[in-house]
Amino acid sequence: AIRQKPWVVDGEVRPRWVTTVSGSFDH
C-alpha cells in the first residue's frame, strides 16, 4: 500500500508517499 507517512528529507521530517517493495526468490 502507498500511504502518506512521516519521512526524513534533508534532515527534516516531512509527509511523503511511502510504500514497501517485497519479494521472494528461488535461492
mmCIF file of all heavy atoms, coordinates in Angstrom:
data_MODEL
# 
_entry.id   MODEL 
# 
loop_
_atom_site.group_PDB 
_atom_site.id 
_atom_site.type_symbol 
_atom_site.label_atom_id 
_atom_site.label_alt_id 
_atom_site.label_comp_id 
_atom_site.label_asym_id 
_atom_site.label_entity_id 
_atom_site.label_seq_id 
_atom_site.pdbx_PDB_ins_code 
_atom_site.Cartn_x 
_atom_site.Cartn_y 
_atom_site.Cartn_z 
_atom_site.occupancy 
_atom_site.B_iso_or_equiv 
_atom_site.pdbx_formal_charge 
_atom_site.auth_seq_id 
_atom_site.auth_comp_id 
_atom_site.auth_asym_id 
_atom_site.auth_atom_id 
_atom_site.pdbx_PDB_model_num 
ATOM 1   N N   . ALA A 1 1  ? 0.832  -1.198  0.000  1.00 0.00 ? 1  ALA A N   1 
ATOM 2   C CA  . ALA A 1 1  ? 0.000  0.000   0.000  1.00 0.00 ? 1  ALA A CA  1 
ATOM 3   C C   . ALA A 1 1  ? 0.872  1.255   0.000  1.00 0.00 ? 1  ALA A C   1 
ATOM 4   O O   . ALA A 1 1  ? 1.937  1.286   0.623  1.00 0.00 ? 1  ALA A O   1 
ATOM 5   C CB  . ALA A 1 1  ? -0.910 0.001   1.223  1.00 0.00 ? 1  ALA A CB  1 
ATOM 6   N N   . ILE A 1 2  ? 0.447  2.280   -0.717 1.00 0.00 ? 2  ILE A N   1 
ATOM 7   C CA  . ILE A 1 2  ? 1.158  3.559   -0.769 1.00 0.00 ? 2  ILE A CA  1 
ATOM 8   C C   . ILE A 1 2  ? 0.405  4.530   0.138  1.00 0.00 ? 2  ILE A C   1 
ATOM 9   O O   . ILE A 1 2  ? -0.739 4.883   -0.138 1.00 0.00 ? 2  ILE A O   1 
ATOM 10  C CB  . ILE A 1 2  ? 1.243  4.093   -2.207 1.00 0.00 ? 2  ILE A CB  1 
ATOM 11  C CG1 . ILE A 1 2  ? 1.920  3.057   -3.112 1.00 0.00 ? 2  ILE A CG1 1 
ATOM 12  C CG2 . ILE A 1 2  ? 1.997  5.413   -2.246 1.00 0.00 ? 2  ILE A CG2 1 
ATOM 13  C CD1 . ILE A 1 2  ? 1.998  3.460   -4.570 1.00 0.00 ? 2  ILE A CD1 1 
ATOM 14  N N   . ARG A 1 3  ? 1.061  4.948   1.230  1.00 0.00 ? 3  ARG A N   1 
ATOM 15  C CA  . ARG A 1 3  ? 0.406  5.795   2.224  1.00 0.00 ? 3  ARG A CA  1 
ATOM 16  C C   . ARG A 1 3  ? 1.275  7.014   2.518  1.00 0.00 ? 3  ARG A C   1 
ATOM 17  O O   . ARG A 1 3  ? 2.496  6.959   2.380  1.00 0.00 ? 3  ARG A O   1 
ATOM 18  C CB  . ARG A 1 3  ? 0.199  5.039   3.539  1.00 0.00 ? 3  ARG A CB  1 
ATOM 19  C CG  . ARG A 1 3  ? -0.313 3.628   3.448  1.00 0.00 ? 3  ARG A CG  1 
ATOM 20  C CD  . ARG A 1 3  ? -0.315 3.011   4.846  1.00 0.00 ? 3  ARG A CD  1 
ATOM 21  N NE  . ARG A 1 3  ? -0.530 1.575   4.832  1.00 0.00 ? 3  ARG A NE  1 
ATOM 22  C CZ  . ARG A 1 3  ? -1.720 0.994   4.885  1.00 0.00 ? 3  ARG A CZ  1 
ATOM 23  N NH1 . ARG A 1 3  ? -2.807 1.752   4.929  1.00 0.00 ? 3  ARG A NH1 1 
ATOM 24  N NH2 . ARG A 1 3  ? -1.846 -0.316  4.890  1.00 0.00 ? 3  ARG A NH2 1 
ATOM 25  N N   . GLN A 1 4  ? 0.646  8.071   2.991  1.00 0.00 ? 4  GLN A N   1 
ATOM 26  C CA  . GLN A 1 4  ? 1.407  9.214   3.473  1.00 0.00 ? 4  GLN A CA  1 
ATOM 27  C C   . GLN A 1 4  ? 1.924  8.913   4.884  1.00 0.00 ? 4  GLN A C   1 
ATOM 28  O O   . GLN A 1 4  ? 1.153  8.554   5.775  1.00 0.00 ? 4  GLN A O   1 
ATOM 29  C CB  . GLN A 1 4  ? 0.555  10.468  3.476  1.00 0.00 ? 4  GLN A CB  1 
ATOM 30  C CG  . GLN A 1 4  ? 0.469  11.145  2.123  1.00 0.00 ? 4  GLN A CG  1 
ATOM 31  C CD  . GLN A 1 4  ? 0.136  12.615  2.216  1.00 0.00 ? 4  GLN A CD  1 
ATOM 32  O OE1 . GLN A 1 4  ? -0.708 13.015  2.997  1.00 0.00 ? 4  GLN A OE1 1 
ATOM 33  N NE2 . GLN A 1 4  ? 0.802  13.434  1.413  1.00 0.00 ? 4  GLN A NE2 1 
ATOM 34  N N   . LYS A 1 5  ? 3.243  9.064   5.040  1.00 0.00 ? 5  LYS A N   1 
ATOM 35  C CA  . LYS A 1 5  ? 3.885  8.791   6.319  1.00 0.00 ? 5  LYS A CA  1 
ATOM 36  C C   . LYS A 1 5  ? 4.951  9.849   6.572  1.00 0.00 ? 5  LYS A C   1 
ATOM 37  O O   . LYS A 1 5  ? 5.460  10.480  5.627  1.00 0.00 ? 5  LYS A O   1 
ATOM 38  C CB  . LYS A 1 5  ? 4.543  7.399   6.317  1.00 0.00 ? 5  LYS A CB  1 
ATOM 39  C CG  . LYS A 1 5  ? 3.588  6.233   6.205  1.00 0.00 ? 5  LYS A CG  1 
ATOM 40  C CD  . LYS A 1 5  ? 4.345  4.915   6.269  1.00 0.00 ? 5  LYS A CD  1 
ATOM 41  C CE  . LYS A 1 5  ? 3.405  3.726   6.195  1.00 0.00 ? 5  LYS A CE  1 
ATOM 42  N NZ  . LYS A 1 5  ? 4.141  2.435   6.271  1.00 0.00 ? 5  LYS A NZ  1 
ATOM 43  N N   . PRO A 1 6  ? 5.337  10.020  7.823  1.00 0.00 ? 6  PRO A N   1 
ATOM 44  C CA  . PRO A 1 6  ? 6.464  10.921  8.100  1.00 0.00 ? 6  PRO A CA  1 
ATOM 45  C C   . PRO A 1 6  ? 7.757  10.317  7.583  1.00 0.00 ? 6  PRO A C   1 
ATOM 46  O O   . PRO A 1 6  ? 8.031  9.134   7.784  1.00 0.00 ? 6  PRO A O   1 
ATOM 47  C CB  . PRO A 1 6  ? 6.451  11.030  9.632  1.00 0.00 ? 6  PRO A CB  1 
ATOM 48  C CG  . PRO A 1 6  ? 5.730  9.816   10.110 1.00 0.00 ? 6  PRO A CG  1 
ATOM 49  C CD  . PRO A 1 6  ? 4.728  9.481   9.059  1.00 0.00 ? 6  PRO A CD  1 
ATOM 50  N N   . TRP A 1 7  ? 8.569  11.147  6.906  1.00 0.00 ? 7  TRP A N   1 
ATOM 51  C CA  . TRP A 1 7  ? 9.799  10.665  6.266  1.00 0.00 ? 7  TRP A CA  1 
ATOM 52  C C   . TRP A 1 7  ? 10.854 11.753  6.413  1.00 0.00 ? 7  TRP A C   1 
ATOM 53  O O   . TRP A 1 7  ? 10.553 12.945  6.253  1.00 0.00 ? 7  TRP A O   1 
ATOM 54  C CB  . TRP A 1 7  ? 9.519  10.384  4.789  1.00 0.00 ? 7  TRP A CB  1 
ATOM 55  C CG  . TRP A 1 7  ? 10.573 9.577   4.078  1.00 0.00 ? 7  TRP A CG  1 
ATOM 56  C CD1 . TRP A 1 7  ? 11.605 10.053  3.327  1.00 0.00 ? 7  TRP A CD1 1 
ATOM 57  C CD2 . TRP A 1 7  ? 10.684 8.155   4.035  1.00 0.00 ? 7  TRP A CD2 1 
ATOM 58  N NE1 . TRP A 1 7  ? 12.348 9.032   2.816  1.00 0.00 ? 7  TRP A NE1 1 
ATOM 59  C CE2 . TRP A 1 7  ? 11.797 7.843   3.241  1.00 0.00 ? 7  TRP A CE2 1 
ATOM 60  C CE3 . TRP A 1 7  ? 9.946  7.121   4.603  1.00 0.00 ? 7  TRP A CE3 1 
ATOM 61  C CZ2 . TRP A 1 7  ? 12.204 6.537   2.982  1.00 0.00 ? 7  TRP A CZ2 1 
ATOM 62  C CZ3 . TRP A 1 7  ? 10.333 5.814   4.349  1.00 0.00 ? 7  TRP A CZ3 1 
ATOM 63  C CH2 . TRP A 1 7  ? 11.443 5.524   3.552  1.00 0.00 ? 7  TRP A CH2 1 
ATOM 64  N N   . VAL A 1 8  ? 12.055 11.351  6.701  1.00 0.00 ? 8  VAL A N   1 
ATOM 65  C CA  . VAL A 1 8  ? 13.125 12.329  6.878  1.00 0.00 ? 8  VAL A CA  1 
ATOM 66  C C   . VAL A 1 8  ? 13.711 12.696  5.519  1.00 0.00 ? 8  VAL A C   1 
ATOM 67  O O   . VAL A 1 8  ? 14.218 11.850  4.786  1.00 0.00 ? 8  VAL A O   1 
ATOM 68  C CB  . VAL A 1 8  ? 14.228 11.785  7.796  1.00 0.00 ? 8  VAL A CB  1 
ATOM 69  C CG1 . VAL A 1 8  ? 15.366 12.805  7.914  1.00 0.00 ? 8  VAL A CG1 1 
ATOM 70  C CG2 . VAL A 1 8  ? 13.665 11.436  9.177  1.00 0.00 ? 8  VAL A CG2 1 
ATOM 71  N N   . VAL A 1 9  ? 13.620 14.005  5.171  1.00 0.00 ? 9  VAL A N   1 
ATOM 72  C CA  . VAL A 1 9  ? 14.150 14.526  3.923  1.00 0.00 ? 9  VAL A CA  1 
ATOM 73  C C   . VAL A 1 9  ? 15.060 15.710  4.250  1.00 0.00 ? 9  VAL A C   1 
ATOM 74  O O   . VAL A 1 9  ? 14.604 16.713  4.819  1.00 0.00 ? 9  VAL A O   1 
ATOM 75  C CB  . VAL A 1 9  ? 13.017 14.980  2.973  1.00 0.00 ? 9  VAL A CB  1 
ATOM 76  C CG1 . VAL A 1 9  ? 13.609 15.515  1.668  1.00 0.00 ? 9  VAL A CG1 1 
ATOM 77  C CG2 . VAL A 1 9  ? 12.046 13.840  2.712  1.00 0.00 ? 9  VAL A CG2 1 
ATOM 78  N N   . ASP A 1 10 ? 16.346 15.584  3.903  1.00 0.00 ? 10 ASP A N   1 
ATOM 79  C CA  . ASP A 1 10 ? 17.319 16.654  4.171  1.00 0.00 ? 10 ASP A CA  1 
ATOM 80  C C   . ASP A 1 10 ? 17.301 17.064  5.645  1.00 0.00 ? 10 ASP A C   1 
ATOM 81  O O   . ASP A 1 10 ? 17.328 18.263  5.981  1.00 0.00 ? 10 ASP A O   1 
ATOM 82  C CB  . ASP A 1 10 ? 17.040 17.873  3.288  1.00 0.00 ? 10 ASP A CB  1 
ATOM 83  C CG  . ASP A 1 10 ? 17.191 17.558  1.800  1.00 0.00 ? 10 ASP A CG  1 
ATOM 84  O OD1 . ASP A 1 10 ? 18.005 16.674  1.478  1.00 0.00 ? 10 ASP A OD1 1 
ATOM 85  O OD2 . ASP A 1 10 ? 16.495 18.182  0.987  1.00 0.00 ? 10 ASP A OD2 1 
ATOM 86  N N   . GLY A 1 11 ? 17.204 16.079  6.508  1.00 0.00 ? 11 GLY A N   1 
ATOM 87  C CA  . GLY A 1 11 ? 17.268 16.350  7.938  1.00 0.00 ? 11 GLY A CA  1 
ATOM 88  C C   . GLY A 1 11 ? 15.974 16.830  8.554  1.00 0.00 ? 11 GLY A C   1 
ATOM 89  O O   . GLY A 1 11 ? 15.938 17.114  9.755  1.00 0.00 ? 11 GLY A O   1 
ATOM 90  N N   . GLU A 1 12 ? 14.907 16.899  7.754  1.00 0.00 ? 12 GLU A N   1 
ATOM 91  C CA  . GLU A 1 12 ? 13.616 17.347  8.273  1.00 0.00 ? 12 GLU A CA  1 
ATOM 92  C C   . GLU A 1 12 ? 12.558 16.264  8.050  1.00 0.00 ? 12 GLU A C   1 
ATOM 93  O O   . GLU A 1 12 ? 12.583 15.550  7.045  1.00 0.00 ? 12 GLU A O   1 
ATOM 94  C CB  . GLU A 1 12 ? 13.163 18.634  7.572  1.00 0.00 ? 12 GLU A CB  1 
ATOM 95  C CG  . GLU A 1 12 ? 14.073 19.826  7.815  1.00 0.00 ? 12 GLU A CG  1 
ATOM 96  C CD  . GLU A 1 12 ? 13.568 21.080  7.120  1.00 0.00 ? 12 GLU A CD  1 
ATOM 97  O OE1 . GLU A 1 12 ? 12.540 20.961  6.403  1.00 0.00 ? 12 GLU A OE1 1 
ATOM 98  O OE2 . GLU A 1 12 ? 14.180 22.141  7.281  1.00 0.00 ? 12 GLU A OE2 1 
ATOM 99  N N   . VAL A 1 13 ? 11.636 16.165  8.999  1.00 0.00 ? 13 VAL A N   1 
ATOM 100 C CA  . VAL A 1 13 ? 10.546 15.207  8.879  1.00 0.00 ? 13 VAL A CA  1 
ATOM 101 C C   . VAL A 1 13 ? 9.422  15.833  8.058  1.00 0.00 ? 13 VAL A C   1 
ATOM 102 O O   . VAL A 1 13 ? 8.899  16.889  8.410  1.00 0.00 ? 13 VAL A O   1 
ATOM 103 C CB  . VAL A 1 13 ? 10.026 14.780  10.268 1.00 0.00 ? 13 VAL A CB  1 
ATOM 104 C CG1 . VAL A 1 13 ? 8.845  13.827  10.115 1.00 0.00 ? 13 VAL A CG1 1 
ATOM 105 C CG2 . VAL A 1 13 ? 11.140 14.139  11.077 1.00 0.00 ? 13 VAL A CG2 1 
ATOM 106 N N   . ARG A 1 14 ? 9.081  15.165  6.968  1.00 0.00 ? 14 ARG A N   1 
ATOM 107 C CA  . ARG A 1 14 ? 8.048  15.673  6.077  1.00 0.00 ? 14 ARG A CA  1 
ATOM 108 C C   . ARG A 1 14 ? 7.069  14.557  5.728  1.00 0.00 ? 14 ARG A C   1 
ATOM 109 O O   . ARG A 1 14 ? 7.433  13.382  5.752  1.00 0.00 ? 14 ARG A O   1 
ATOM 110 C CB  . ARG A 1 14 ? 8.663  16.206  4.772  1.00 0.00 ? 14 ARG A CB  1 
ATOM 111 C CG  . ARG A 1 14 ? 9.680  17.315  4.964  1.00 0.00 ? 14 ARG A CG  1 
ATOM 112 C CD  . ARG A 1 14 ? 10.264 17.724  3.631  1.00 0.00 ? 14 ARG A CD  1 
ATOM 113 N NE  . ARG A 1 14 ? 11.334 18.700  3.773  1.00 0.00 ? 14 ARG A NE  1 
ATOM 114 C CZ  . ARG A 1 14 ? 12.077 19.151  2.770  1.00 0.00 ? 14 ARG A CZ  1 
ATOM 115 N NH1 . ARG A 1 14 ? 11.846 18.697  1.538  1.00 0.00 ? 14 ARG A NH1 1 
ATOM 116 N NH2 . ARG A 1 14 ? 13.038 20.045  2.979  1.00 0.00 ? 14 ARG A NH2 1 
ATOM 117 N N   . PRO A 1 15 ? 5.830  14.910  5.379  1.00 0.00 ? 15 PRO A N   1 
ATOM 118 C CA  . PRO A 1 15 ? 4.896  13.878  4.912  1.00 0.00 ? 15 PRO A CA  1 
ATOM 119 C C   . PRO A 1 15 ? 5.258  13.460  3.483  1.00 0.00 ? 15 PRO A C   1 
ATOM 120 O O   . PRO A 1 15 ? 5.405  14.313  2.595  1.00 0.00 ? 15 PRO A O   1 
ATOM 121 C CB  . PRO A 1 15 ? 3.533  14.586  4.959  1.00 0.00 ? 15 PRO A CB  1 
ATOM 122 C CG  . PRO A 1 15 ? 3.849  16.038  4.825  1.00 0.00 ? 15 PRO A CG  1 
ATOM 123 C CD  . PRO A 1 15 ? 5.183  16.233  5.475  1.00 0.00 ? 15 PRO A CD  1 
ATOM 124 N N   . ARG A 1 16 ? 5.423  12.173  3.271  1.00 0.00 ? 16 ARG A N   1 
ATOM 125 C CA  . ARG A 1 16 ? 5.772  11.646  1.948  1.00 0.00 ? 16 ARG A CA  1 
ATOM 126 C C   . ARG A 1 16 ? 4.906  10.420  1.660  1.00 0.00 ? 16 ARG A C   1 
ATOM 127 O O   . ARG A 1 16 ? 4.373  9.774   2.569  1.00 0.00 ? 16 ARG A O   1 
ATOM 128 C CB  . ARG A 1 16 ? 7.256  11.237  1.887  1.00 0.00 ? 16 ARG A CB  1 
ATOM 129 C CG  . ARG A 1 16 ? 8.222  12.332  2.285  1.00 0.00 ? 16 ARG A CG  1 
ATOM 130 C CD  . ARG A 1 16 ? 8.321  13.403  1.233  1.00 0.00 ? 16 ARG A CD  1 
ATOM 131 N NE  . ARG A 1 16 ? 9.124  12.986  0.084  1.00 0.00 ? 16 ARG A NE  1 
ATOM 132 C CZ  . ARG A 1 16 ? 9.421  13.777  -0.943 1.00 0.00 ? 16 ARG A CZ  1 
ATOM 133 N NH1 . ARG A 1 16 ? 8.950  15.032  -0.969 1.00 0.00 ? 16 ARG A NH1 1 
ATOM 134 N NH2 . ARG A 1 16 ? 10.160 13.348  -1.933 1.00 0.00 ? 16 ARG A NH2 1 
ATOM 135 N N   . TRP A 1 17 ? 4.771  10.107  0.379  1.00 0.00 ? 17 TRP A N   1 
ATOM 136 C CA  . TRP A 1 17 ? 4.077  8.887   -0.024 1.00 0.00 ? 17 TRP A CA  1 
ATOM 137 C C   . TRP A 1 17 ? 5.062  7.727   0.077  1.00 0.00 ? 17 TRP A C   1 
ATOM 138 O O   . TRP A 1 17 ? 6.066  7.690   -0.638 1.00 0.00 ? 17 TRP A O   1 
ATOM 139 C CB  . TRP A 1 17 ? 3.546  9.011   -1.446 1.00 0.00 ? 17 TRP A CB  1 
ATOM 140 C CG  . TRP A 1 17 ? 2.407  9.974   -1.580 1.00 0.00 ? 17 TRP A CG  1 
ATOM 141 C CD1 . TRP A 1 17 ? 2.448  11.246  -2.064 1.00 0.00 ? 17 TRP A CD1 1 
ATOM 142 C CD2 . TRP A 1 17 ? 1.057  9.737   -1.199 1.00 0.00 ? 17 TRP A CD2 1 
ATOM 143 N NE1 . TRP A 1 17 ? 1.213  11.835  -2.015 1.00 0.00 ? 17 TRP A NE1 1 
ATOM 144 C CE2 . TRP A 1 17 ? 0.318  10.923  -1.479 1.00 0.00 ? 17 TRP A CE2 1 
ATOM 145 C CE3 . TRP A 1 17 ? 0.375  8.661   -0.639 1.00 0.00 ? 17 TRP A CE3 1 
ATOM 146 C CZ2 . TRP A 1 17 ? -1.036 11.047  -1.233 1.00 0.00 ? 17 TRP A CZ2 1 
ATOM 147 C CZ3 . TRP A 1 17 ? -0.989 8.777   -0.396 1.00 0.00 ? 17 TRP A CZ3 1 
ATOM 148 C CH2 . TRP A 1 17 ? -1.681 9.953   -0.689 1.00 0.00 ? 17 TRP A CH2 1 
ATOM 149 N N   . VAL A 1 18 ? 4.773  6.785   0.960  1.00 0.00 ? 18 VAL A N   1 
ATOM 150 C CA  . VAL A 1 18 ? 5.718  5.701   1.256  1.00 0.00 ? 18 VAL A CA  1 
ATOM 151 C C   . VAL A 1 18 ? 5.063  4.352   0.960  1.00 0.00 ? 18 VAL A C   1 
ATOM 152 O O   . VAL A 1 18 ? 3.880  4.136   1.243  1.00 0.00 ? 18 VAL A O   1 
ATOM 153 C CB  . VAL A 1 18 ? 6.155  5.748   2.734  1.00 0.00 ? 18 VAL A CB  1 
ATOM 154 C CG1 . VAL A 1 18 ? 7.101  4.582   3.058  1.00 0.00 ? 18 VAL A CG1 1 
ATOM 155 C CG2 . VAL A 1 18 ? 6.837  7.086   3.033  1.00 0.00 ? 18 VAL A CG2 1 
ATOM 156 N N   . THR A 1 19 ? 5.834  3.447   0.389  1.00 0.00 ? 19 THR A N   1 
ATOM 157 C CA  . THR A 1 19 ? 5.371  2.087   0.134  1.00 0.00 ? 19 THR A CA  1 
ATOM 158 C C   . THR A 1 19 ? 6.479  1.107   0.500  1.00 0.00 ? 19 THR A C   1 
ATOM 159 O O   . THR A 1 19 ? 7.612  1.505   0.786  1.00 0.00 ? 19 THR A O   1 
ATOM 160 C CB  . THR A 1 19 ? 4.960  1.896   -1.339 1.00 0.00 ? 19 THR A CB  1 
ATOM 161 O OG1 . THR A 1 19 ? 4.340  0.623   -1.507 1.00 0.00 ? 19 THR A OG1 1 
ATOM 162 C CG2 . THR A 1 19 ? 6.167  1.973   -2.273 1.00 0.00 ? 19 THR A CG2 1 
ATOM 163 N N   . THR A 1 20 ? 6.145  -0.165  0.479  1.00 0.00 ? 20 THR A N   1 
ATOM 164 C CA  . THR A 1 20 ? 7.123  -1.222  0.726  1.00 0.00 ? 20 THR A CA  1 
ATOM 165 C C   . THR A 1 20 ? 7.145  -2.157  -0.473 1.00 0.00 ? 20 THR A C   1 
ATOM 166 O O   . THR A 1 20 ? 6.092  -2.604  -0.944 1.00 0.00 ? 20 THR A O   1 
ATOM 167 C CB  . THR A 1 20 ? 6.776  -2.025  1.991  1.00 0.00 ? 20 THR A CB  1 
ATOM 168 O OG1 . THR A 1 20 ? 6.738  -1.147  3.112  1.00 0.00 ? 20 THR A OG1 1 
ATOM 169 C CG2 . THR A 1 20 ? 7.813  -3.116  2.255  1.00 0.00 ? 20 THR A CG2 1 
ATOM 170 N N   . VAL A 1 21 ? 8.340  -2.439  -0.968 1.00 0.00 ? 21 VAL A N   1 
ATOM 171 C CA  . VAL A 1 21 ? 8.526  -3.412  -2.041 1.00 0.00 ? 21 VAL A CA  1 
ATOM 172 C C   . VAL A 1 21 ? 9.136  -4.662  -1.425 1.00 0.00 ? 21 VAL A C   1 
ATOM 173 O O   . VAL A 1 21 ? 10.190 -4.592  -0.788 1.00 0.00 ? 21 VAL A O   1 
ATOM 174 C CB  . VAL A 1 21 ? 9.441  -2.862  -3.153 1.00 0.00 ? 21 VAL A CB  1 
ATOM 175 C CG1 . VAL A 1 21 ? 9.695  -3.931  -4.209 1.00 0.00 ? 21 VAL A CG1 1 
ATOM 176 C CG2 . VAL A 1 21 ? 8.830  -1.627  -3.784 1.00 0.00 ? 21 VAL A CG2 1 
ATOM 177 N N   . SER A 1 22 ? 8.470  -5.787  -1.575 1.00 0.00 ? 22 SER A N   1 
ATOM 178 C CA  . SER A 1 22 ? 8.974  -7.047  -1.033 1.00 0.00 ? 22 SER A CA  1 
ATOM 179 C C   . SER A 1 22 ? 8.970  -8.091  -2.129 1.00 0.00 ? 22 SER A C   1 
ATOM 180 O O   . SER A 1 22 ? 8.275  -7.954  -3.144 1.00 0.00 ? 22 SER A O   1 
ATOM 181 C CB  . SER A 1 22 ? 8.118  -7.508  0.155  1.00 0.00 ? 22 SER A CB  1 
ATOM 182 O OG  . SER A 1 22 ? 6.749  -7.577  -0.200 1.00 0.00 ? 22 SER A OG  1 
ATOM 183 N N   . GLY A 1 23 ? 9.729  -9.141  -1.925 1.00 0.00 ? 23 GLY A N   1 
ATOM 184 C CA  . GLY A 1 23 ? 9.781  -10.178 -2.952 1.00 0.00 ? 23 GLY A CA  1 
ATOM 185 C C   . GLY A 1 23 ? 10.351 -11.474 -2.433 1.00 0.00 ? 23 GLY A C   1 
ATOM 186 O O   . GLY A 1 23 ? 11.042 -11.508 -1.409 1.00 0.00 ? 23 GLY A O   1 
ATOM 187 N N   . SER A 1 24 ? 10.017 -12.569 -3.131 1.00 0.00 ? 24 SER A N   1 
ATOM 188 C CA  . SER A 1 24 ? 10.555 -13.896 -2.826 1.00 0.00 ? 24 SER A CA  1 
ATOM 189 C C   . SER A 1 24 ? 11.260 -14.428 -4.068 1.00 0.00 ? 24 SER A C   1 
ATOM 190 O O   . SER A 1 24 ? 10.812 -14.198 -5.199 1.00 0.00 ? 24 SER A O   1 
ATOM 191 C CB  . SER A 1 24 ? 9.430  -14.849 -2.411 1.00 0.00 ? 24 SER A CB  1 
ATOM 192 O OG  . SER A 1 24 ? 8.783  -14.409 -1.243 1.00 0.00 ? 24 SER A OG  1 
ATOM 193 N N   . PHE A 1 25 ? 12.346 -15.170 -3.838 1.00 0.00 ? 25 PHE A N   1 
ATOM 194 C CA  . PHE A 1 25 ? 13.175 -15.636 -4.939 1.00 0.00 ? 25 PHE A CA  1 
ATOM 195 C C   . PHE A 1 25 ? 13.667 -17.057 -4.672 1.00 0.00 ? 25 PHE A C   1 
ATOM 196 O O   . PHE A 1 25 ? 13.790 -17.474 -3.518 1.00 0.00 ? 25 PHE A O   1 
ATOM 197 C CB  . PHE A 1 25 ? 14.366 -14.695 -5.150 1.00 0.00 ? 25 PHE A CB  1 
ATOM 198 C CG  . PHE A 1 25 ? 13.953 -13.278 -5.436 1.00 0.00 ? 25 PHE A CG  1 
ATOM 199 C CD1 . PHE A 1 25 ? 13.700 -12.393 -4.394 1.00 0.00 ? 25 PHE A CD1 1 
ATOM 200 C CD2 . PHE A 1 25 ? 13.777 -12.849 -6.737 1.00 0.00 ? 25 PHE A CD2 1 
ATOM 201 C CE1 . PHE A 1 25 ? 13.295 -11.096 -4.634 1.00 0.00 ? 25 PHE A CE1 1 
ATOM 202 C CE2 . PHE A 1 25 ? 13.362 -11.551 -6.991 1.00 0.00 ? 25 PHE A CE2 1 
ATOM 203 C CZ  . PHE A 1 25 ? 13.126 -10.670 -5.946 1.00 0.00 ? 25 PHE A CZ  1 
ATOM 204 N N   . ASP A 1 26 ? 13.959 -17.773 -5.742 1.00 0.00 ? 26 ASP A N   1 
ATOM 205 C CA  . ASP A 1 26 ? 14.478 -19.140 -5.671 1.00 0.00 ? 26 ASP A CA  1 
ATOM 206 C C   . ASP A 1 26 ? 15.977 -19.076 -5.402 1.00 0.00 ? 26 ASP A C   1 
ATOM 207 O O   . ASP A 1 26 ? 16.761 -18.673 -6.268 1.00 0.00 ? 26 ASP A O   1 
ATOM 208 C CB  . ASP A 1 26 ? 14.192 -19.859 -6.996 1.00 0.00 ? 26 ASP A CB  1 
ATOM 209 C CG  . ASP A 1 26 ? 14.529 -21.338 -6.941 1.00 0.00 ? 26 ASP A CG  1 
ATOM 210 O OD1 . ASP A 1 26 ? 15.308 -21.746 -6.059 1.00 0.00 ? 26 ASP A OD1 1 
ATOM 211 O OD2 . ASP A 1 26 ? 14.016 -22.087 -7.800 1.00 0.00 ? 26 ASP A OD2 1 
ATOM 212 N N   . HIS A 1 27 ? 16.364 -19.478 -4.190 1.00 0.00 ? 27 HIS A N   1 
ATOM 213 C CA  . HIS A 1 27 ? 17.770 -19.355 -3.774 1.00 0.00 ? 27 HIS A CA  1 
ATOM 214 C C   . HIS A 1 27 ? 18.679 -20.319 -4.527 1.00 0.00 ? 27 HIS A C   1 
ATOM 215 O O   . HIS A 1 27 ? 19.914 -20.183 -4.464 1.00 0.00 ? 27 HIS A O   1 
ATOM 216 C CB  . HIS A 1 27 ? 17.883 -19.592 -2.267 1.00 0.00 ? 27 HIS A CB  1 
ATOM 217 C CG  . HIS A 1 27 ? 18.931 -18.761 -1.611 1.00 0.00 ? 27 HIS A CG  1 
ATOM 218 N ND1 . HIS A 1 27 ? 20.105 -18.397 -2.239 1.00 0.00 ? 27 HIS A ND1 1 
ATOM 219 C CD2 . HIS A 1 27 ? 18.999 -18.211 -0.371 1.00 0.00 ? 27 HIS A CD2 1 
ATOM 220 C CE1 . HIS A 1 27 ? 20.849 -17.666 -1.415 1.00 0.00 ? 27 HIS A CE1 1 
ATOM 221 N NE2 . HIS A 1 27 ? 20.192 -17.544 -0.277 1.00 0.00 ? 27 HIS A NE2 1 
# 
